[in-house]
PDB file of N, CA and C in Angstrom:
ATOM      1  N   UNK A   1     139.231 169.380  25.979  1.00  0.00           N
ATOM      2  CA  UNK A   1     139.364 168.835  27.318  1.00  0.00           C
ATOM      3  C   UNK A   1     138.646 169.783  28.277  1.00  0.00           C
ATOM      4  N   UNK A   2     137.811 169.218  29.114  1.00  0.00           N
ATOM      5  CA  UNK A   2     137.081 170.027  30.081  1.00  0.00           C
ATOM      6  C   UNK A   2     137.854 170.089  31.404  1.00  0.00           C
ATOM      7  N   UNK A   3     137.385 170.946  32.291  1.00  0.00           N
ATOM      8  CA  UNK A   3     138.012 171.070  33.605  1.00  0.00           C
ATOM      9  C   UNK A   3     137.885 169.764  34.386  1.00  0.00           C
ATOM     10  N   UNK A   4     136.774 169.065  34.225  1.00  0.00           N
ATOM     11  CA  UNK A   4     136.566 167.794  34.927  1.00  0.00           C
ATOM     12  C   UNK A   4     137.592 166.754  34.482  1.00  0.00           C
ATOM     13  N   UNK A   5     137.820 166.677  33.197  1.00  0.00           N
ATOM     14  CA  UNK A   5     138.813 165.721  32.682  1.00  0.00           C
ATOM     15  C   UNK A   5     140.200 166.119  33.149  1.00  0.00           C
ATOM     16  N   UNK A   6     140.492 167.422  33.132  1.00  0.00           N
ATOM     17  CA  UNK A   6     141.794 167.904  33.591  1.00  0.00           C
ATOM     18  C   UNK A   6     142.020 167.523  35.052  1.00  0.00           C
ATOM     19  N   UNK A   7     141.017 167.748  35.901  1.00  0.00           N
ATOM     20  CA  UNK A   7     141.153 167.402  37.321  1.00  0.00           C
ATOM     21  C   UNK A   7     141.252 165.898  37.534  1.00  0.00           C
ATOM     22  N   UNK A   8     140.534 165.122  36.722  1.00  0.00           N
ATOM     23  CA  UNK A   8     140.648 163.666  36.800  1.00  0.00           C
ATOM     24  C   UNK A   8     142.061 163.225  36.422  1.00  0.00           C
ATOM     25  N   UNK A   9     142.603 163.816  35.372  1.00  0.00           N
ATOM     26  CA  UNK A   9     143.969 163.491  34.966  1.00  0.00           C
ATOM     27  C   UNK A   9     144.969 163.902  36.051  1.00  0.00           C
ATOM     28  N   UNK A  10     144.724 165.035  36.677  1.00  0.00           N
ATOM     29  CA  UNK A  10     145.598 165.491  37.754  1.00  0.00           C
ATOM     30  C   UNK A  10     145.540 164.530  38.942  1.00  0.00           C
ATOM     31  N   UNK A  11     144.356 164.024  39.246  1.00  0.00           N
ATOM     32  CA  UNK A  11     144.213 163.034  40.316  1.00  0.00           C
ATOM     33  C   UNK A  11     144.965 161.750  39.969  1.00  0.00           C
ATOM     34  N   UNK A  12     144.809 161.284  38.736  1.00  0.00           N
ATOM     35  CA  UNK A  12     145.510 160.076  38.294  1.00  0.00           C
ATOM     36  C   UNK A  12     147.015 160.274  38.364  1.00  0.00           C
ATOM     37  N   UNK A  13     147.478 161.406  37.867  1.00  0.00           N
ATOM     38  CA  UNK A  13     148.916 161.688  37.874  1.00  0.00           C
ATOM     39  C   UNK A  13     149.441 161.787  39.305  1.00  0.00           C
ATOM     40  N   UNK A  14     148.683 162.414  40.178  1.00  0.00           N
ATOM     41  CA  UNK A  14     149.121 162.550  41.568  1.00  0.00           C
ATOM     42  C   UNK A  14     149.229 161.192  42.247  1.00  0.00           C
ATOM     43  N   UNK A  15     148.267 160.323  41.990  1.00  0.00           N
ATOM     44  CA  UNK A  15     148.310 158.980  42.567  1.00  0.00           C
ATOM     45  C   UNK A  15     149.486 158.188  42.018  1.00  0.00           C
ATOM     46  N   UNK A  16     149.643 158.204  40.699  1.00  0.00           N
ATOM     47  CA  UNK A  16     150.751 157.483  40.079  1.00  0.00           C
ATOM     48  C   UNK A  16     152.107 158.049  40.509  1.00  0.00           C
ATOM     49  N   UNK A  17     152.183 159.362  40.667  1.00  0.00           N
ATOM     50  CA  UNK A  17     153.441 159.977  41.085  1.00  0.00           C
ATOM     51  C   UNK A  17     153.866 159.459  42.448  1.00  0.00           C
ATOM     52  N   UNK A  18     152.922 159.384  43.367  1.00  0.00           N
ATOM     53  CA  UNK A  18     153.238 158.865  44.698  1.00  0.00           C
ATOM     54  C   UNK A  18     153.721 157.431  44.651  1.00  0.00           C
ATOM     55  N   UNK A  19     153.023 156.601  43.878  1.00  0.00           N
ATOM     56  CA  UNK A  19     153.398 155.189  43.778  1.00  0.00           C
ATOM     57  C   UNK A  19     154.750 154.996  43.095  1.00  0.00           C
ATOM     58  N   UNK A  20     154.941 155.668  41.974  1.00  0.00           N
ATOM     59  CA  UNK A  20     156.207 155.528  41.239  1.00  0.00           C
ATOM     60  C   UNK A  20     157.367 156.084  42.051  1.00  0.00           C
ATOM     61  N   UNK A  21     157.152 157.204  42.722  1.00  0.00           N
ATOM     62  CA  UNK A  21     158.216 157.789  43.541  1.00  0.00           C
ATOM     63  C   UNK A  21     158.640 156.825  44.644  1.00  0.00           C
ATOM     64  N   UNK A  22     157.678 156.212  45.304  1.00  0.00           N
ATOM     65  CA  UNK A  22     158.028 155.247  46.358  1.00  0.00           C
ATOM     66  C   UNK A  22     158.784 154.055  45.791  1.00  0.00           C
ATOM     67  N   UNK A  23     158.379 153.593  44.623  1.00  0.00           N
ATOM     68  CA  UNK A  23     159.084 152.489  43.988  1.00  0.00           C
ATOM     69  C   UNK A  23     160.515 152.844  43.632  1.00  0.00           C
ATOM     70  N   UNK A  24     160.706 154.032  43.075  1.00  0.00           N
ATOM     71  CA  UNK A  24     162.049 154.475  42.707  1.00  0.00           C
ATOM     72  C   UNK A  24     162.905 154.683  43.956  1.00  0.00           C
ATOM     73  N   UNK A  25     162.305 155.232  45.020  1.00  0.00           N
ATOM     74  CA  UNK A  25     163.049 155.420  46.272  1.00  0.00           C
ATOM     75  C   UNK A  25     163.535 154.087  46.827  1.00  0.00           C
ATOM     76  N   UNK A  26     162.676 153.071  46.803  1.00  0.00           N
ATOM     77  CA  UNK A  26     163.080 151.734  47.274  1.00  0.00           C
ATOM     78  C   UNK A  26     164.237 151.196  46.438  1.00  0.00           C
ATOM     79  N   UNK A  27     164.144 151.381  45.138  1.00  0.00           N
ATOM     80  CA  UNK A  27     165.197 150.915  44.245  1.00  0.00           C
ATOM     81  C   UNK A  27     166.516 151.639  44.508  1.00  0.00           C
ATOM     82  N   UNK A  28     166.449 152.952  44.690  1.00  0.00           N
ATOM     83  CA  UNK A  28     167.666 153.727  44.962  1.00  0.00           C
ATOM     84  C   UNK A  28     168.273 153.363  46.316  1.00  0.00           C
ATOM     85  N   UNK A  29     167.427 153.097  47.306  1.00  0.00           N
ATOM     86  CA  UNK A  29     167.928 152.668  48.611  1.00  0.00           C
ATOM     87  C   UNK A  29     168.613 151.311  48.510  1.00  0.00           C
ATOM     88  N   UNK A  30     168.027 150.424  47.705  1.00  0.00           N
ATOM     89  CA  UNK A  30     168.609 149.102  47.506  1.00  0.00           C
ATOM     90  C   UNK A  30     170.000 149.200  46.873  1.00  0.00           C
ATOM     91  N   UNK A  31     170.157 150.146  45.967  1.00  0.00           N
ATOM     92  CA  UNK A  31     171.434 150.346  45.291  1.00  0.00           C
ATOM     93  C   UNK A  31     172.358 151.281  46.069  1.00  0.00           C
ATOM     94  N   UNK A  32     171.926 151.744  47.226  1.00  0.00           N
ATOM     95  CA  UNK A  32     172.697 152.660  48.080  1.00  0.00           C
ATOM     96  C   UNK A  32     173.071 153.950  47.349  1.00  0.00           C
ATOM     97  N   UNK A  33     172.131 154.474  46.600  1.00  0.00           N
ATOM     98  CA  UNK A  33     172.331 155.736  45.888  1.00  0.00           C
ATOM     99  C   UNK A  33     171.635 156.836  46.672  1.00  0.00           C
ATOM    100  N   UNK A  34     172.341 157.925  46.938  1.00  0.00           N
ATOM    101  CA  UNK A  34     171.722 159.051  47.646  1.00  0.00           C
ATOM    102  C   UNK A  34     170.875 159.865  46.661  1.00  0.00           C
ATOM    103  N   UNK A  35     169.809 160.436  47.160  1.00  0.00           N
ATOM    104  CA  UNK A  35     168.894 161.213  46.335  1.00  0.00           C
ATOM    105  C   UNK A  35     168.215 162.256  47.199  1.00  0.00           C
ATOM    106  N   UNK A  36     167.621 163.234  46.536  1.00  0.00           N
ATOM    107  CA  UNK A  36     166.822 164.248  47.212  1.00  0.00           C
ATOM    108  C   UNK A  36     165.353 163.938  46.923  1.00  0.00           C
ATOM    109  N   UNK A  37     164.593 163.710  47.966  1.00  0.00           N
ATOM    110  CA  UNK A  37     163.216 163.230  47.819  1.00  0.00           C
ATOM    111  C   UNK A  37     162.347 164.195  47.008  1.00  0.00           C
ATOM    112  N   UNK A  38     162.430 165.492  47.270  1.00  0.00           N
ATOM    113  CA  UNK A  38     161.602 166.451  46.532  1.00  0.00           C
ATOM    114  C   UNK A  38     161.989 166.520  45.061  1.00  0.00           C
ATOM    115  N   UNK A  39     163.273 166.476  44.784  1.00  0.00           N
ATOM    116  CA  UNK A  39     163.726 166.498  43.394  1.00  0.00           C
ATOM    117  C   UNK A  39     163.234 165.258  42.665  1.00  0.00           C
ATOM    118  N   UNK A  40     163.354 164.119  43.318  1.00  0.00           N
ATOM    119  CA  UNK A  40     162.885 162.867  42.723  1.00  0.00           C
ATOM    120  C   UNK A  40     161.386 162.923  42.463  1.00  0.00           C
ATOM    121  N   UNK A  41     160.603 163.400  43.429  1.00  0.00           N
ATOM    122  CA  UNK A  41     159.155 163.505  43.262  1.00  0.00           C
ATOM    123  C   UNK A  41     158.796 164.457  42.126  1.00  0.00           C
ATOM    124  N   UNK A  42     159.515 165.557  42.025  1.00  0.00           N
ATOM    125  CA  UNK A  42     159.265 166.524  40.946  1.00  0.00           C
ATOM    126  C   UNK A  42     159.556 165.943  39.575  1.00  0.00           C
ATOM    127  N   UNK A  43     160.658 165.233  39.446  1.00  0.00           N
ATOM    128  CA  UNK A  43     161.013 164.623  38.162  1.00  0.00           C
ATOM    129  C   UNK A  43     160.000 163.553  37.787  1.00  0.00           C
ATOM    130  N   UNK A  44     159.632 162.719  38.750  1.00  0.00           N
ATOM    131  CA  UNK A  44     158.641 161.668  38.483  1.00  0.00           C
ATOM    132  C   UNK A  44     157.309 162.299  38.079  1.00  0.00           C
ATOM    133  N   UNK A  45     156.907 163.375  38.736  1.00  0.00           N
ATOM    134  CA  UNK A  45     155.642 164.041  38.413  1.00  0.00           C
ATOM    135  C   UNK A  45     155.642 164.557  36.978  1.00  0.00           C
ATOM    136  N   UNK A  46     156.742 165.146  36.559  1.00  0.00           N
ATOM    137  CA  UNK A  46     156.834 165.679  35.191  1.00  0.00           C
ATOM    138  C   UNK A  46     156.751 164.548  34.174  1.00  0.00           C
ATOM    139  N   UNK A  47     157.495 163.476  34.406  1.00  0.00           N
ATOM    140  CA  UNK A  47     157.505 162.351  33.459  1.00  0.00           C
ATOM    141  C   UNK A  47     156.135 161.671  33.404  1.00  0.00           C
ATOM    142  N   UNK A  48     155.550 161.417  34.561  1.00  0.00           N
ATOM    143  CA  UNK A  48     154.248 160.735  34.600  1.00  0.00           C
ATOM    144  C   UNK A  48     153.166 161.610  33.963  1.00  0.00           C
ATOM    145  N   UNK A  49     153.159 162.905  34.252  1.00  0.00           N
ATOM    146  CA  UNK A  49     152.121 163.769  33.684  1.00  0.00           C
ATOM    147  C   UNK A  49     152.275 163.898  32.174  1.00  0.00           C
ATOM    148  N   UNK A  50     153.503 163.935  31.675  1.00  0.00           N
ATOM    149  CA  UNK A  50     153.706 163.977  30.223  1.00  0.00           C
ATOM    150  C   UNK A  50     153.202 162.682  29.583  1.00  0.00           C
ATOM    151  N   UNK A  51     153.462 161.556  30.229  1.00  0.00           N
ATOM    152  CA  UNK A  51     153.008 160.269  29.697  1.00  0.00           C
ATOM    153  C   UNK A  51     151.483 160.162  29.728  1.00  0.00           C
ATOM    154  N   UNK A  52     150.859 160.590  30.825  1.00  0.00           N
ATOM    155  CA  UNK A  52     149.398 160.539  30.925  1.00  0.00           C
ATOM    156  C   UNK A  52     148.765 161.492  29.910  1.00  0.00           C
ATOM    157  N   UNK A  53     149.325 162.668  29.755  1.00  0.00           N
ATOM    158  CA  UNK A  53     148.815 163.621  28.765  1.00  0.00           C
ATOM    159  C   UNK A  53     148.925 163.083  27.344  1.00  0.00           C
ATOM    160  N   UNK A  54     150.047 162.469  27.023  1.00  0.00           N
ATOM    161  CA  UNK A  54     150.221 161.871  25.699  1.00  0.00           C
ATOM    162  C   UNK A  54     149.258 160.701  25.508  1.00  0.00           C
ATOM    163  N   UNK A  55     149.083 159.903  26.557  1.00  0.00           N
ATOM    164  CA  UNK A  55     148.137 158.794  26.484  1.00  0.00           C
ATOM    165  C   UNK A  55     146.721 159.275  26.247  1.00  0.00           C
ATOM    166  N   UNK A  56     146.338 160.353  26.903  1.00  0.00           N
ATOM    167  CA  UNK A  56     145.005 160.926  26.699  1.00  0.00           C
ATOM    168  C   UNK A  56     144.823 161.371  25.250  1.00  0.00           C
ATOM    169  N   UNK A  57     145.836 162.046  24.723  1.00  0.00           N
ATOM    170  CA  UNK A  57     145.744 162.532  23.346  1.00  0.00           C
ATOM    171  C   UNK A  57     145.598 161.374  22.359  1.00  0.00           C
ATOM    172  N   UNK A  58     146.309 160.285  22.598  1.00  0.00           N
ATOM    173  CA  UNK A  58     146.224 159.125  21.716  1.00  0.00           C
ATOM    174  C   UNK A  58     144.853 158.464  21.835  1.00  0.00           C
ATOM    175  N   UNK A  59     144.368 158.312  23.067  1.00  0.00           N
ATOM    176  CA  UNK A  59     143.096 157.609  23.283  1.00  0.00           C
ATOM    177  C   UNK A  59     141.896 158.354  22.690  1.00  0.00           C
ATOM    178  N   UNK A  60     141.899 159.678  22.789  1.00  0.00           N
ATOM    179  CA  UNK A  60     140.758 160.438  22.263  1.00  0.00           C
ATOM    180  C   UNK A  60     141.033 161.001  20.873  1.00  0.00           C
ATOM    181  N   UNK A  61     142.200 160.670  20.332  1.00  0.00           N
ATOM    182  CA  UNK A  61     142.606 161.127  18.996  1.00  0.00           C
ATOM    183  C   UNK A  61     142.549 162.648  18.894  1.00  0.00           C
ATOM    184  N   UNK A  62     143.062 163.310  19.926  1.00  0.00           N
ATOM    185  CA  UNK A  62     143.073 164.766  19.961  1.00  0.00           C
ATOM    186  C   UNK A  62     144.249 165.297  19.156  1.00  0.00           C
ATOM    187  N   UNK A  63     144.012 166.368  18.455  1.00  0.00           N
ATOM    188  CA  UNK A  63     145.084 167.009  17.689  1.00  0.00           C
ATOM    189  C   UNK A  63     145.941 167.831  18.642  1.00  0.00           C
ATOM    190  N   UNK A  64     147.230 167.848  18.385  1.00  0.00           N
ATOM    191  CA  UNK A  64     148.124 168.670  19.200  1.00  0.00           C
ATOM    192  C   UNK A  64     148.090 170.083  18.638  1.00  0.00           C
ATOM    193  N   UNK A  65     147.405 170.948  19.347  1.00  0.00           N
ATOM    194  CA  UNK A  65     147.314 172.348  18.938  1.00  0.00           C
ATOM    195  C   UNK A  65     147.675 173.225  20.130  1.00  0.00           C
ATOM    196  N   UNK A  66     147.502 174.512  19.987  1.00  0.00           N
ATOM    197  CA  UNK A  66     147.885 175.443  21.053  1.00  0.00           C
ATOM    198  C   UNK A  66     147.085 175.207  22.326  1.00  0.00           C
ATOM    199  N   UNK A  67     145.792 174.923  22.179  1.00  0.00           N
ATOM    200  CA  UNK A  67     144.946 174.690  23.353  1.00  0.00           C
ATOM    201  C   UNK A  67     145.404 173.444  24.107  1.00  0.00           C
ATOM    202  N   UNK A  68     145.696 172.373  23.379  1.00  0.00           N
ATOM    203  CA  UNK A  68     146.151 171.134  24.019  1.00  0.00           C
ATOM    204  C   UNK A  68     147.525 171.340  24.650  1.00  0.00           C
ATOM    205  N   UNK A  69     148.368 172.129  24.027  1.00  0.00           N
ATOM    206  CA  UNK A  69     149.687 172.412  24.598  1.00  0.00           C
ATOM    207  C   UNK A  69     149.553 173.136  25.929  1.00  0.00           C
ATOM    208  N   UNK A  70     148.623 174.068  26.011  1.00  0.00           N
ATOM    209  CA  UNK A  70     148.389 174.791  27.264  1.00  0.00           C
ATOM    210  C   UNK A  70     147.907 173.826  28.344  1.00  0.00           C
ATOM    211  N   UNK A  71     146.980 172.929  27.980  1.00  0.00           N
ATOM    212  CA  UNK A  71     146.498 171.938  28.945  1.00  0.00           C
ATOM    213  C   UNK A  71     147.631 171.036  29.429  1.00  0.00           C
ATOM    214  N   UNK A  72     148.474 170.594  28.522  1.00  0.00           N
ATOM    215  CA  UNK A  72     149.570 169.705  28.912  1.00  0.00           C
ATOM    216  C   UNK A  72     150.595 170.417  29.782  1.00  0.00           C
ATOM    217  N   UNK A  73     150.908 171.647  29.440  1.00  0.00           N
ATOM    218  CA  UNK A  73     151.840 172.422  30.262  1.00  0.00           C
ATOM    219  C   UNK A  73     151.247 172.645  31.654  1.00  0.00           C
ATOM    220  N   UNK A  74     149.949 172.972  31.700  1.00  0.00           N
ATOM    221  CA  UNK A  74     149.287 173.157  32.992  1.00  0.00           C
ATOM    222  C   UNK A  74     149.272 171.859  33.789  1.00  0.00           C
ATOM    223  N   UNK A  75     149.029 170.723  33.118  1.00  0.00           N
ATOM    224  CA  UNK A  75     149.024 169.430  33.801  1.00  0.00           C
ATOM    225  C   UNK A  75     150.405 169.125  34.369  1.00  0.00           C
ATOM    226  N   UNK A  76     151.428 169.367  33.579  1.00  0.00           N
ATOM    227  CA  UNK A  76     152.792 169.113  34.052  1.00  0.00           C
ATOM    228  C   UNK A  76     153.122 170.017  35.236  1.00  0.00           C
ATOM    229  N   UNK A  77     152.796 171.293  35.121  1.00  0.00           N
ATOM    230  CA  UNK A  77     153.096 172.222  36.216  1.00  0.00           C
ATOM    231  C   UNK A  77     152.307 171.877  37.474  1.00  0.00           C
ATOM    232  N   UNK A  78     151.005 171.622  37.312  1.00  0.00           N
ATOM    233  CA  UNK A  78     150.174 171.316  38.480  1.00  0.00           C
ATOM    234  C   UNK A  78     150.573 169.998  39.131  1.00  0.00           C
ATOM    235  N   UNK A  79     150.976 169.020  38.330  1.00  0.00           N
ATOM    236  CA  UNK A  79     151.402 167.751  38.922  1.00  0.00           C
ATOM    237  C   UNK A  79     152.727 167.918  39.646  1.00  0.00           C
ATOM    238  N   UNK A  80     153.620 168.741  39.091  1.00  0.00           N
ATOM    239  CA  UNK A  80     154.875 169.028  39.797  1.00  0.00           C
ATOM    240  C   UNK A  80     154.570 169.737  41.116  1.00  0.00           C
ATOM    241  N   UNK A  81     153.677 170.716  41.051  1.00  0.00           N
ATOM    242  CA  UNK A  81     153.307 171.450  42.255  1.00  0.00           C
ATOM    243  C   UNK A  81     152.638 170.524  43.264  1.00  0.00           C
ATOM    244  N   UNK A  82     151.781 169.632  42.780  1.00  0.00           N
ATOM    245  CA  UNK A  82     151.126 168.662  43.659  1.00  0.00           C
ATOM    246  C   UNK A  82     152.129 167.738  44.328  1.00  0.00           C
ATOM    247  N   UNK A  83     153.175 167.370  43.608  1.00  0.00           N
ATOM    248  CA  UNK A  83     154.219 166.513  44.195  1.00  0.00           C
ATOM    249  C   UNK A  83     154.983 167.266  45.279  1.00  0.00           C
ATOM    250  N   UNK A  84     155.076 168.574  45.146  1.00  0.00           N
ATOM    251  CA  UNK A  84     155.822 169.366  46.119  1.00  0.00           C
ATOM    252  C   UNK A  84     154.988 169.718  47.349  1.00  0.00           C
ATOM    253  N   UNK A  85     153.709 170.070  47.151  1.00  0.00           N
ATOM    254  CA  UNK A  85     152.900 170.542  48.285  1.00  0.00           C
ATOM    255  C   UNK A  85     151.687 169.677  48.589  1.00  0.00           C
ATOM    256  N   UNK A  86     151.301 168.798  47.692  1.00  0.00           N
ATOM    257  CA  UNK A  86     150.162 167.922  47.931  1.00  0.00           C
ATOM    258  C   UNK A  86     149.006 168.227  46.991  1.00  0.00           C
ATOM    259  N   UNK A  87     148.349 167.166  46.529  1.00  0.00           N
ATOM    260  CA  UNK A  87     147.249 167.280  45.568  1.00  0.00           C
ATOM    261  C   UNK A  87     146.082 168.079  46.128  1.00  0.00           C
ATOM    262  N   UNK A  88     145.747 167.881  47.391  1.00  0.00           N
ATOM    263  CA  UNK A  88     144.589 168.557  47.981  1.00  0.00           C
ATOM    264  C   UNK A  88     144.736 170.072  47.935  1.00  0.00           C
ATOM    265  N   UNK A  89     145.929 170.570  48.204  1.00  0.00           N
ATOM    266  CA  UNK A  89     146.169 172.015  48.179  1.00  0.00           C
ATOM    267  C   UNK A  89     146.043 172.562  46.765  1.00  0.00           C
ATOM    268  N   UNK A  90     146.543 171.841  45.777  1.00  0.00           N
ATOM    269  CA  UNK A  90     146.447 172.283  44.383  1.00  0.00           C
ATOM    270  C   UNK A  90     144.990 172.287  43.934  1.00  0.00           C
ATOM    271  N   UNK A  91     144.248 171.235  44.267  1.00  0.00           N
ATOM    272  CA  UNK A  91     142.835 171.142  43.892  1.00  0.00           C
ATOM    273  C   UNK A  91     142.037 172.271  44.543  1.00  0.00           C
ATOM    274  N   UNK A  92     142.332 172.571  45.794  1.00  0.00           N
ATOM    275  CA  UNK A  92     141.643 173.652  46.503  1.00  0.00           C
ATOM    276  C   UNK A  92     141.925 174.993  45.823  1.00  0.00           C
ATOM    277  N   UNK A  93     143.163 175.211  45.414  1.00  0.00           N
ATOM    278  CA  UNK A  93     143.518 176.465  44.738  1.00  0.00           C
ATOM    279  C   UNK A  93     142.794 176.592  43.402  1.00  0.00           C
ATOM    280  N   UNK A  94     142.709 175.496  42.630  1.00  0.00           N
ATOM    281  CA  UNK A  94     141.999 175.526  41.348  1.00  0.00           C
ATOM    282  C   UNK A  94     140.524 175.825  41.582  1.00  0.00           C
ATOM    283  N   UNK A  95     139.929 175.197  42.579  1.00  0.00           N
ATOM    284  CA  UNK A  95     138.508 175.427  42.881  1.00  0.00           C
ATOM    285  C   UNK A  95     138.263 176.884  43.262  1.00  0.00           C
ATOM    286  N   UNK A  96     139.146 177.470  44.051  1.00  0.00           N
ATOM    287  CA  UNK A  96     138.993 178.854  44.451  1.00  0.00           C
ATOM    288  C   UNK A  96     139.118 179.797  43.254  1.00  0.00           C
ATOM    289  N   UNK A  97     140.034 179.485  42.355  1.00  0.00           N
ATOM    290  CA  UNK A  97     140.197 180.324  41.151  1.00  0.00           C
ATOM    291  C   UNK A  97     138.948 180.238  40.276  1.00  0.00           C
ATOM    292  N   UNK A  98     138.424 179.011  40.110  1.00  0.00           N
ATOM    293  CA  UNK A  98     137.217 178.836  39.295  1.00  0.00           C
ATOM    294  C   UNK A  98     136.015 179.537  39.921  1.00  0.00           C
ATOM    295  N   UNK A  99     135.873 179.442  41.235  1.00  0.00           N
ATOM    296  CA  UNK A  99     134.759 180.087  41.922  1.00  0.00           C
ATOM    297  C   UNK A  99     134.839 181.612  41.816  1.00  0.00           C
ATOM    298  N   UNK A 100     136.037 182.154  41.944  1.00  0.00           N
ATOM    299  CA  UNK A 100     136.167 183.612  41.891  1.00  0.00           C
ATOM    300  C   UNK A 100     135.953 184.140  40.467  1.00  0.00           C
ATOM    301  N   UNK A 101     136.248 183.323  39.460  1.00  0.00           N
ATOM    302  CA  UNK A 101     136.044 183.783  38.080  1.00  0.00           C
ATOM    303  C   UNK A 101     134.571 183.745  37.685  1.00  0.00           C
ATOM    304  N   UNK A 102     133.746 182.984  38.389  1.00  0.00           N
ATOM    305  CA  UNK A 102     132.323 182.894  38.099  1.00  0.00           C
ATOM    306  C   UNK A 102     131.553 184.082  38.642  1.00  0.00           C
ATOM    307  N   UNK A 103     132.134 184.795  39.598  1.00  0.00           N
ATOM    308  CA  UNK A 103     131.430 185.914  40.255  1.00  0.00           C
ATOM    309  C   UNK A 103     131.501 187.159  39.437  1.00  0.00           C
TER     310      UNK A 103
END
């Protein structure tokens, strides 16, 4: 998996997380269940990123090895972080880290 694919997956997960979170919030409001918005967004981000990561592995027939585990853990963490602070901030931080490592 390249950095481009990782960032594309992070973008997909961030978009889906926002949509699924809003759907779940509407459902919980309909049922009059109290919830914490950040906790809900974090849980949805973890579940969606795990599902997208597993889907990627199935589609490209990738073997589950240590390298793929690191990518999946990073995807889950970054998507959780993106749900908490926003995708743009996470993407900017990744770009800055990549730029500084090239120097």
